[in-house]
């Protein structure tokens, strides 16, 4: 969420941020397993105990009655925007969510954010939706994370999808990749552009080649190879 206009962020995110706290939980569990393998059971148990507290707080703070995760919470301020940042809590190896909660988050992302070219940065149902990355710089800055679709986010979405559906999800993931394969000869040969408009026809915008997008597609292809 790094776009700014006149020195101010287009999307100010303060307080508790959903993906940061998902990363913190993942780090606690990962480190606990690591030090337990190294023989320090006492430290591992301490980290696991902290992770349990973190998981409970995560659900209390971020999960709402509609089954998806708030983007950030700052005191009494709760951002109800449907954004892709919550997909990380489903995709990571260690998640504070149980399987039912993960599926609810995945279902919302699939319904409101998924496009053939990546995940929208904001749902069309949320206020401020701006899907077209066009016009002068200031106009593009306002659209950058307000509805445009980013291919690199698809990597974490697909990983989350496979965590829920496993083998039965392979054909769906492969079909999603086809939508990106079509782009490899349109912009920069054998690469993907920076982002796409969030509405049809999902025109590629920004830089003609974007390493994060390419890297995530390659990572998902490697992940898929483990199933065959």
Protein backbone atom coordinates (compact mmCIF):
# COMPACT_ATOMS: atom_id res chain seq x y z
CA UNK A 1 0.00 0.00 0.00
CA UNK A 2 2.82 2.34 -0.91
CA UNK A 3 1.14 4.89 -3.16
CA UNK A 4 1.10 8.48 -1.92
CA UNK A 5 -0.35 11.78 -3.12
CA UNK A 6 1.11 15.06 -1.83
CA UNK A 7 3.08 13.15 0.77
CA UNK A 8 0.05 11.37 2.19
CA UNK A 9 -0.75 7.67 1.74
CA UNK A 10 -3.71 6.96 -0.50
CA UNK A 11 -4.61 4.11 1.87
CA UNK A 12 -3.54 4.91 5.43
CA UNK A 13 -3.24 1.69 7.43
CA UNK A 14 -2.49 2.21 11.09
CA UNK A 15 -2.75 0.15 14.26
CA UNK A 16 -2.96 -3.63 13.86
CA UNK A 17 -2.49 -4.75 10.24
CA UNK A 18 -3.84 -8.14 9.24
CA UNK A 19 -0.94 -9.55 7.20
CA UNK A 20 1.69 -8.33 9.69
CA UNK A 21 0.02 -10.26 12.48
CA UNK A 22 -0.40 -13.35 10.31
CA UNK A 23 3.34 -13.14 9.60
CA UNK A 24 4.08 -12.81 13.32
CA UNK A 25 2.06 -15.93 14.14
CA UNK A 26 3.78 -17.85 11.32
CA UNK A 27 7.20 -16.71 12.60
CA UNK A 28 6.44 -17.83 16.16
CA UNK A 29 5.38 -21.32 15.07
CA UNK A 30 8.23 -21.69 12.59
CA UNK A 31 10.81 -20.66 15.17
CA UNK A 32 9.27 -22.97 17.79
CA UNK A 33 9.62 -25.96 15.46
CA UNK A 34 13.15 -24.91 14.54
CA UNK A 35 14.45 -24.63 18.11
CA UNK A 36 12.63 -27.82 19.13
CA UNK A 37 14.53 -29.70 16.43
CA UNK A 38 17.69 -28.12 17.84
CA UNK A 39 16.94 -29.57 21.26
CA UNK A 40 15.63 -26.52 23.14
CA UNK A 41 12.21 -27.80 24.18
CA UNK A 42 11.75 -25.16 26.87
CA UNK A 43 12.13 -22.23 24.43
CA UNK A 44 9.96 -24.02 21.88
CA UNK A 45 7.16 -24.48 24.41
CA UNK A 46 7.42 -20.81 25.36
CA UNK A 47 7.12 -19.75 21.72
CA UNK A 48 4.18 -22.09 21.18
CA UNK A 49 2.43 -20.60 24.20
CA UNK A 50 2.93 -17.10 22.79
CA UNK A 51 1.61 -18.31 19.43
CA UNK A 52 -1.57 -19.59 21.11
CA UNK A 53 -2.16 -16.17 22.67
CA UNK A 54 -1.45 -14.53 19.31
CA UNK A 55 -3.90 -16.83 17.49
CA UNK A 56 -6.70 -16.09 19.93
CA UNK A 57 -6.08 -12.35 19.72
CA UNK A 58 -5.84 -12.51 15.92
CA UNK A 59 -9.29 -14.06 15.63
CA UNK A 60 -10.82 -11.69 18.18
CA UNK A 61 -9.37 -8.60 16.50
CA UNK A 62 -9.59 -9.36 12.78
CA UNK A 63 -12.31 -11.92 12.12
CA UNK A 64 -15.75 -10.39 11.62
CA UNK A 65 -19.25 -11.83 11.56
CA UNK A 66 -19.19 -12.11 7.77
CA UNK A 67 -16.34 -14.62 7.87
CA UNK A 68 -13.58 -12.51 6.36
CA UNK A 69 -10.76 -10.55 8.01
CA UNK A 70 -10.65 -6.81 8.67
CA UNK A 71 -7.79 -5.12 6.85
CA UNK A 72 -6.61 -3.18 9.90
CA UNK A 73 -7.88 -2.24 13.34
CA UNK A 74 -6.80 0.93 15.14
CA UNK A 75 -8.65 1.38 18.42
CA UNK A 76 -12.31 1.80 17.53
CA UNK A 77 -11.46 2.19 13.85
CA UNK A 78 -12.05 -1.02 11.89
CA UNK A 79 -11.45 -1.17 8.14
CA UNK A 80 -14.12 -3.41 6.63
CA UNK A 81 -12.72 -3.15 3.09
CA UNK A 82 -12.39 -6.51 1.37
CA UNK A 83 -8.72 -6.65 0.39
CA UNK A 84 -6.34 -9.46 -0.62
CA UNK A 85 -4.04 -8.93 2.40
CA UNK A 86 -6.12 -11.46 4.35
CA UNK A 87 -5.22 -14.31 1.96
CA UNK A 88 -1.78 -14.59 3.59
CA UNK A 89 -3.39 -15.91 6.77
CA UNK A 90 -4.67 -18.85 4.72
CA UNK A 91 -1.58 -19.43 2.57
CA UNK A 92 1.13 -19.54 5.24
CA UNK A 93 2.44 -22.84 6.62
CA UNK A 94 1.24 -21.81 10.07
CA UNK A 95 -2.10 -20.06 10.38
CA UNK A 96 -4.08 -18.76 13.37
CA UNK A 97 -7.26 -19.82 11.55
CA UNK A 98 -8.87 -23.25 11.59
CA UNK A 99 -9.93 -24.97 8.37
CA UNK A 100 -13.50 -23.64 8.39
CA UNK A 101 -12.28 -20.08 8.96
CA UNK A 102 -9.68 -20.44 6.22
CA UNK A 103 -12.30 -21.60 3.75
CA UNK A 104 -14.56 -18.66 4.59
CA UNK A 105 -11.73 -16.24 3.86
CA UNK A 106 -10.85 -18.07 0.64
CA UNK A 107 -14.48 -18.02 -0.50
CA UNK A 108 -14.76 -14.24 -0.02
CA UNK A 109 -11.50 -13.65 -1.90
CA UNK A 110 -12.66 -15.94 -4.73
CA UNK A 111 -16.02 -14.24 -4.99
CA UNK A 112 -14.94 -10.60 -4.78
CA UNK A 113 -11.25 -10.31 -5.66
CA UNK A 114 -10.30 -13.07 -8.10
CA UNK A 115 -9.82 -12.14 -11.77
CA UNK A 116 -8.17 -14.08 -14.62
CA UNK A 117 -5.07 -11.86 -14.20
CA UNK A 118 -4.62 -11.77 -10.44
CA UNK A 119 -6.33 -10.58 -7.27
CA UNK A 120 -8.00 -7.21 -7.11
CA UNK A 121 -6.54 -4.93 -4.46
CA UNK A 122 -10.05 -3.94 -3.41
CA UNK A 123 -13.49 -5.47 -3.86
CA UNK A 124 -15.93 -3.78 -6.26
CA UNK A 125 -18.37 -3.82 -3.33
CA UNK A 126 -16.06 -1.74 -1.12
CA UNK A 127 -16.03 2.05 -1.08
CA UNK A 128 -13.45 3.79 -3.23
CA UNK A 129 -13.18 1.01 -5.83
CA UNK A 130 -11.10 2.33 -8.73
CA UNK A 131 -10.15 -0.47 -11.14
CA UNK A 132 -8.54 1.39 -14.04
CA UNK A 133 -4.87 2.33 -13.88
CA UNK A 134 -5.01 5.16 -16.43
CA UNK A 135 -4.55 8.92 -16.74
CA UNK A 136 -1.99 11.28 -15.20
CA UNK A 137 0.25 10.18 -12.32
CA UNK A 138 -2.02 11.42 -9.53
CA UNK A 139 -5.01 9.59 -11.02
CA UNK A 140 -2.98 6.37 -11.35
CA UNK A 141 -1.72 6.71 -7.76
CA UNK A 142 -5.31 6.77 -6.52
CA UNK A 143 -6.07 3.57 -8.45
CA UNK A 144 -2.84 1.69 -7.67
CA UNK A 145 -4.22 -0.28 -4.68
CA UNK A 146 -7.90 0.53 -5.01
CA UNK A 147 -9.08 -2.15 -7.40
CA UNK A 148 -6.31 -2.96 -9.87
CA UNK A 149 -5.37 -6.64 -10.10
CA UNK A 150 -1.90 -7.92 -9.22
CA UNK A 151 -0.65 -11.26 -10.61
CA UNK A 152 1.85 -11.88 -7.78
CA UNK A 153 -1.00 -12.07 -5.28
CA UNK A 154 -2.35 -15.00 -7.29
CA UNK A 155 0.60 -17.07 -6.04
CA UNK A 156 -0.56 -16.87 -2.43
CA UNK A 157 -4.18 -17.32 -3.48
CA UNK A 158 -3.35 -20.53 -5.35
CA UNK A 159 -1.26 -21.79 -2.45
CA UNK A 160 -4.18 -21.12 -0.11
CA UNK A 161 -6.55 -22.86 -2.51
CA UNK A 162 -4.39 -25.97 -2.61
CA UNK A 163 -4.14 -26.02 1.19
CA UNK A 164 -7.93 -26.22 1.38
CA UNK A 165 -8.75 -28.44 -1.61
CA UNK A 166 -5.47 -30.34 -2.13
CA UNK A 167 -5.56 -32.70 -5.14
CA UNK A 168 -9.13 -31.77 -6.03
CA UNK A 169 -8.03 -28.16 -6.51
CA UNK A 170 -5.31 -28.85 -9.09
CA UNK A 171 -7.47 -28.43 -12.20
CA UNK A 172 -8.84 -25.10 -10.93
CA UNK A 173 -5.34 -23.75 -10.24
CA UNK A 174 -4.12 -24.86 -13.66
CA UNK A 175 -7.05 -23.10 -15.35
CA UNK A 176 -6.23 -19.90 -13.49
CA UNK A 177 -2.65 -20.01 -14.77
CA UNK A 178 -3.90 -20.13 -18.35
CA UNK A 179 -5.23 -16.60 -17.94
CA UNK A 180 -1.68 -15.42 -17.26
CA UNK A 181 -0.08 -17.55 -19.97
CA UNK A 182 -1.92 -15.53 -22.61
CA UNK A 183 -0.04 -12.40 -21.50
CA UNK A 184 3.46 -13.78 -22.15
CA UNK A 185 3.53 -12.56 -25.76
CA UNK A 186 1.63 -9.26 -25.37
CA UNK A 187 3.83 -6.97 -23.26
CA UNK A 188 7.42 -8.07 -22.64
CA UNK A 189 8.07 -11.46 -24.24
CA UNK A 190 7.96 -14.29 -21.67
CA UNK A 191 7.16 -11.89 -18.84
CA UNK A 192 4.17 -10.32 -17.11
CA UNK A 193 3.29 -6.64 -16.71
CA UNK A 194 3.13 -4.92 -13.35
CA UNK A 195 -0.64 -4.94 -12.90
CA UNK A 196 -3.98 -5.16 -14.70
CA UNK A 197 -7.22 -3.23 -14.65
CA UNK A 198 -9.64 -4.77 -12.17
CA UNK A 199 -12.52 -4.86 -14.65
CA UNK A 200 -12.82 -6.59 -18.05
CA UNK A 201 -11.03 -6.73 -20.40
CA UNK A 202 -8.33 -6.67 -17.66
CA UNK A 203 -5.83 -4.70 -19.70
CA UNK A 204 -2.18 -4.92 -18.62
CA UNK A 205 -0.75 -1.69 -17.18
CA UNK A 206 2.38 -0.27 -15.61
CA UNK A 207 5.83 -1.74 -16.22
CA UNK A 208 5.92 -4.23 -19.09
CA UNK A 209 7.86 -6.71 -16.94
CA UNK A 210 7.55 -7.22 -13.18
CA UNK A 211 9.81 -9.67 -11.37
CA UNK A 212 7.44 -10.34 -8.44
CA UNK A 213 4.73 -11.51 -10.82
CA UNK A 214 7.05 -13.84 -12.70
CA UNK A 215 8.55 -15.22 -9.49
CA UNK A 216 5.17 -16.12 -8.00
CA UNK A 217 4.03 -17.93 -11.15
CA UNK A 218 7.26 -19.93 -11.13
CA UNK A 219 6.78 -20.72 -7.44
CA UNK A 220 3.27 -22.03 -8.05
CA UNK A 221 4.46 -24.18 -10.96
CA UNK A 222 7.03 -25.68 -8.59
CA UNK A 223 4.32 -26.22 -5.99
CA UNK A 224 2.10 -27.95 -8.53
CA UNK A 225 4.94 -30.29 -9.50
CA UNK A 226 4.85 -31.76 -5.99
CA UNK A 227 1.37 -33.11 -6.65
CA UNK A 228 2.36 -35.11 -9.73
